Amino acid sequence: MMKQEHTENTKESLETVYFAGGCLWGVQEYMKHLPHVVSTEAGRANGTENTTKADYDGYAECVKVIFDAEHISLDNLMDYFFEIIDPYSLNKQGEDVGIKYRTAVYSMQEHHLKIAKEYIARRDDADKIVVEVLPLTNYVKSDDEHQERLTRFPDDYCHIPKPLLHKYKKN
């Protein structure tokens, strides 16, 4: 289990943020196609520290997103993220129900949390939004079966409508 963010970013402008938006398959498929997203990784975040892989107690399904902050801001990524979630739905996205499907933005960088909170506060509907914005406390990379799942099995269930899921896909 990883307790801290890897420092694999070799370019100074690369930054890492974690988005939880329901089932991680769709979030990863969508995010990996966004401009200036360098890589994505399916995982689980902010659960009980001493959990076993089998139960992922309290974890949110999420996607680790490494992006080039020189070319895209976290504020812009928040716009994209809000395109694929129902920000008013607590612990539910589409047919996925339960705490592991909560919506959230996690980071180890305080400035990311500030940007995400300000993004939500600027919205007219801020008082209705139930998206968590918290420091990343725990992260577990998903097994290979969950990585790039919708790329390998495009007909699997996803709460994100297909046209939106591939809206930014580069041919």
Protein backbone atom coordinates (compact mmCIF):
# COMPACT_ATOMS: atom_id res chain seq x y z
CA MET A 1 0.00 0.00 0.00
CA MET A 2 1.36 3.41 -0.94
CA LYS A 3 1.17 6.03 1.73
CA GLN A 4 2.64 8.80 -0.35
CA GLU A 5 2.67 10.01 -3.87
CA HIS A 6 5.43 8.73 -6.13
CA THR A 7 7.81 11.38 -7.38
CA GLU A 8 7.96 9.87 -10.85
CA ASN A 9 7.26 13.21 -12.49
CA THR A 10 10.48 13.98 -14.32
CA LYS A 11 9.41 17.26 -15.87
CA GLU A 12 9.04 20.13 -13.40
CA SER A 13 5.63 21.10 -14.73
CA LEU A 14 4.11 17.65 -14.15
CA GLU A 15 1.68 17.49 -11.25
CA THR A 16 -0.50 14.76 -9.78
CA VAL A 17 -4.10 14.87 -8.60
CA TYR A 18 -6.59 12.10 -7.80
CA PHE A 19 -10.21 12.23 -9.04
CA ALA A 20 -12.94 9.98 -7.63
CA GLY A 21 -16.07 10.06 -9.76
CA GLY A 22 -17.93 6.80 -9.44
CA CYS A 23 -16.62 3.65 -11.10
CA LEU A 24 -12.94 4.18 -11.87
CA TRP A 25 -13.13 2.49 -15.29
CA GLY A 26 -15.01 5.35 -16.87
CA VAL A 27 -13.12 8.10 -15.08
CA GLN A 28 -9.82 6.65 -16.30
CA GLU A 29 -11.06 6.17 -19.87
CA TYR A 30 -12.30 9.77 -19.99
CA MET A 31 -9.33 11.41 -18.25
CA LYS A 32 -6.64 9.66 -20.29
CA HIS A 33 -7.88 11.37 -23.45
CA LEU A 34 -7.82 14.91 -22.08
CA PRO A 35 -5.31 17.35 -23.53
CA HIS A 36 -2.07 17.57 -21.53
CA VAL A 37 -2.89 14.59 -19.33
CA VAL A 38 0.36 12.63 -19.38
CA SER A 39 -0.85 9.44 -17.68
CA THR A 40 -3.61 7.90 -15.62
CA GLU A 41 -3.74 5.03 -13.16
CA ALA A 42 -6.77 3.34 -11.65
CA GLY A 43 -6.68 3.05 -7.88
CA ARG A 44 -8.38 3.61 -4.57
CA ALA A 45 -7.86 6.46 -2.14
CA ASN A 46 -8.51 7.66 1.38
CA GLY A 47 -9.69 4.47 3.02
CA THR A 48 -8.74 2.70 6.19
CA GLU A 49 -4.97 2.52 6.45
CA ASN A 50 -4.75 -1.08 7.63
CA THR A 51 -7.12 -2.65 5.14
CA THR A 52 -6.65 -5.71 2.99
CA LYS A 53 -6.86 -5.55 -0.78
CA ALA A 54 -9.97 -7.73 -0.60
CA ASP A 55 -12.10 -5.20 1.25
CA TYR A 56 -10.69 -1.72 0.49
CA ASP A 57 -12.56 -0.52 3.58
CA GLY A 58 -13.75 3.04 3.09
CA TYR A 59 -11.73 3.67 -0.06
CA ALA A 60 -13.01 5.72 -2.98
CA GLU A 61 -12.44 4.37 -6.46
CA CYS A 62 -10.27 6.99 -8.11
CA VAL A 63 -7.89 7.80 -10.91
CA LYS A 64 -4.42 9.16 -10.40
CA VAL A 65 -3.96 11.84 -13.06
CA ILE A 66 -0.54 13.21 -13.98
CA PHE A 67 -0.88 16.37 -16.02
CA ASP A 68 1.37 19.02 -17.50
CA ALA A 69 0.52 22.11 -15.44
CA GLU A 70 2.45 24.26 -17.90
CA HIS A 71 -0.30 23.61 -20.45
CA ILE A 72 -3.44 22.83 -18.44
CA SER A 73 -4.50 24.07 -15.04
CA LEU A 74 -6.17 22.12 -12.29
CA ASP A 75 -9.05 24.56 -12.68
CA ASN A 76 -9.43 23.36 -16.29
CA LEU A 77 -9.26 19.73 -15.15
CA MET A 78 -12.04 20.51 -12.68
CA ASP A 79 -14.19 21.68 -15.62
CA TYR A 80 -13.61 18.34 -17.34
CA PHE A 81 -14.24 16.39 -14.13
CA PHE A 82 -17.56 18.15 -13.53
CA GLU A 83 -18.60 17.15 -17.07
CA ILE A 84 -18.68 13.47 -16.07
CA ILE A 85 -20.04 13.52 -12.50
CA ASP A 86 -23.27 14.37 -10.77
CA PRO A 87 -21.81 16.67 -8.10
CA TYR A 88 -25.03 16.59 -6.05
CA SER A 89 -25.18 12.82 -5.67
CA LEU A 90 -23.75 11.49 -2.41
CA ASN A 91 -22.02 8.10 -2.73
CA LYS A 92 -23.69 7.37 -6.07
CA GLN A 93 -22.87 7.86 -9.72
CA GLY A 94 -25.18 6.26 -12.27
CA GLU A 95 -26.00 2.72 -11.12
CA ASP A 96 -22.93 2.60 -8.87
CA VAL A 97 -24.00 3.04 -5.25
CA GLY A 98 -21.92 3.06 -2.07
CA ILE A 99 -19.19 5.03 -0.32
CA LYS A 100 -16.56 3.70 -2.73
CA TYR A 101 -18.35 5.58 -5.54
CA ARG A 102 -18.23 8.98 -3.84
CA THR A 103 -16.98 11.98 -5.77
CA ALA A 104 -13.79 13.63 -4.63
CA VAL A 105 -10.60 15.48 -5.43
CA TYR A 106 -7.57 14.33 -3.46
CA SER A 107 -4.04 15.67 -3.50
CA MET A 108 -0.91 15.89 -1.42
CA GLN A 109 -0.45 19.45 -2.64
CA GLU A 110 -2.18 22.12 -0.55
CA HIS A 111 -2.45 24.46 -3.56
CA HIS A 112 -4.45 21.78 -5.44
CA LEU A 113 -6.92 21.53 -2.57
CA LYS A 114 -7.25 25.31 -2.48
CA ILE A 115 -7.89 25.47 -6.24
CA ALA A 116 -10.52 22.70 -6.04
CA LYS A 117 -12.30 24.34 -3.10
CA GLU A 118 -12.28 27.72 -4.84
CA TYR A 119 -13.58 26.13 -8.03
CA ILE A 120 -16.57 24.71 -6.15
CA ALA A 121 -17.14 27.92 -4.15
CA ARG A 122 -17.37 29.97 -7.38
CA ARG A 123 -20.24 27.89 -8.69
CA ASP A 124 -23.82 29.10 -8.31
CA ASP A 125 -24.75 25.67 -6.96
CA ALA A 126 -21.86 25.40 -4.47
CA ASP A 127 -24.19 24.82 -1.52
CA LYS A 128 -25.58 21.65 -3.18
CA ILE A 129 -22.25 20.10 -4.19
CA VAL A 130 -21.13 17.02 -2.22
CA VAL A 131 -17.70 16.52 -3.82
CA GLU A 132 -15.02 15.85 -1.19
CA VAL A 133 -11.85 17.92 -1.40
CA LEU A 134 -9.32 16.39 0.95
CA PRO A 135 -5.63 15.65 1.34
CA LEU A 136 -4.62 12.26 -0.01
CA THR A 137 -4.02 10.03 2.99
CA ASN A 138 -3.82 6.56 1.45
CA TYR A 139 -3.57 5.33 -2.12
CA VAL A 140 -3.60 1.80 -3.49
CA LYS A 141 -2.98 1.13 -7.17
CA SER A 142 -5.62 -1.17 -8.66
CA ASP A 143 -4.60 -4.51 -10.08
CA ASP A 144 -3.98 -4.94 -13.81
CA GLU A 145 -7.55 -6.17 -14.36
CA HIS A 146 -8.83 -2.69 -13.46
CA GLN A 147 -6.26 -0.69 -15.46
CA GLU A 148 -7.56 0.59 -18.81
CA ARG A 149 -10.60 -1.67 -18.39
CA LEU A 150 -12.87 0.15 -20.84
CA THR A 151 -10.13 0.23 -23.46
CA ARG A 152 -9.97 -3.56 -23.31
CA PHE A 153 -13.70 -4.15 -22.76
CA PRO A 154 -15.52 -1.16 -24.31
CA ASP A 155 -18.97 -2.67 -23.76
CA ASP A 156 -18.60 -2.97 -19.97
CA TYR A 157 -20.99 -0.85 -17.91
CA CYS A 158 -20.03 2.78 -17.39
CA HIS A 159 -22.09 5.57 -15.86
CA ILE A 160 -20.57 8.07 -18.29
CA PRO A 161 -22.46 8.17 -21.60
CA LYS A 162 -20.29 6.85 -24.46
CA PRO A 163 -20.35 10.07 -26.52
CA LEU A 164 -19.07 11.99 -23.49
CA LEU A 165 -16.67 9.21 -22.51
CA HIS A 166 -14.80 9.58 -25.80
CA LYS A 167 -15.47 13.26 -26.44
CA TYR A 168 -11.77 14.13 -26.28
CA LYS A 169 -10.36 10.90 -27.71
CA LYS A 170 -7.64 11.49 -30.23
CA ASN A 171 -7.81 9.24 -33.29
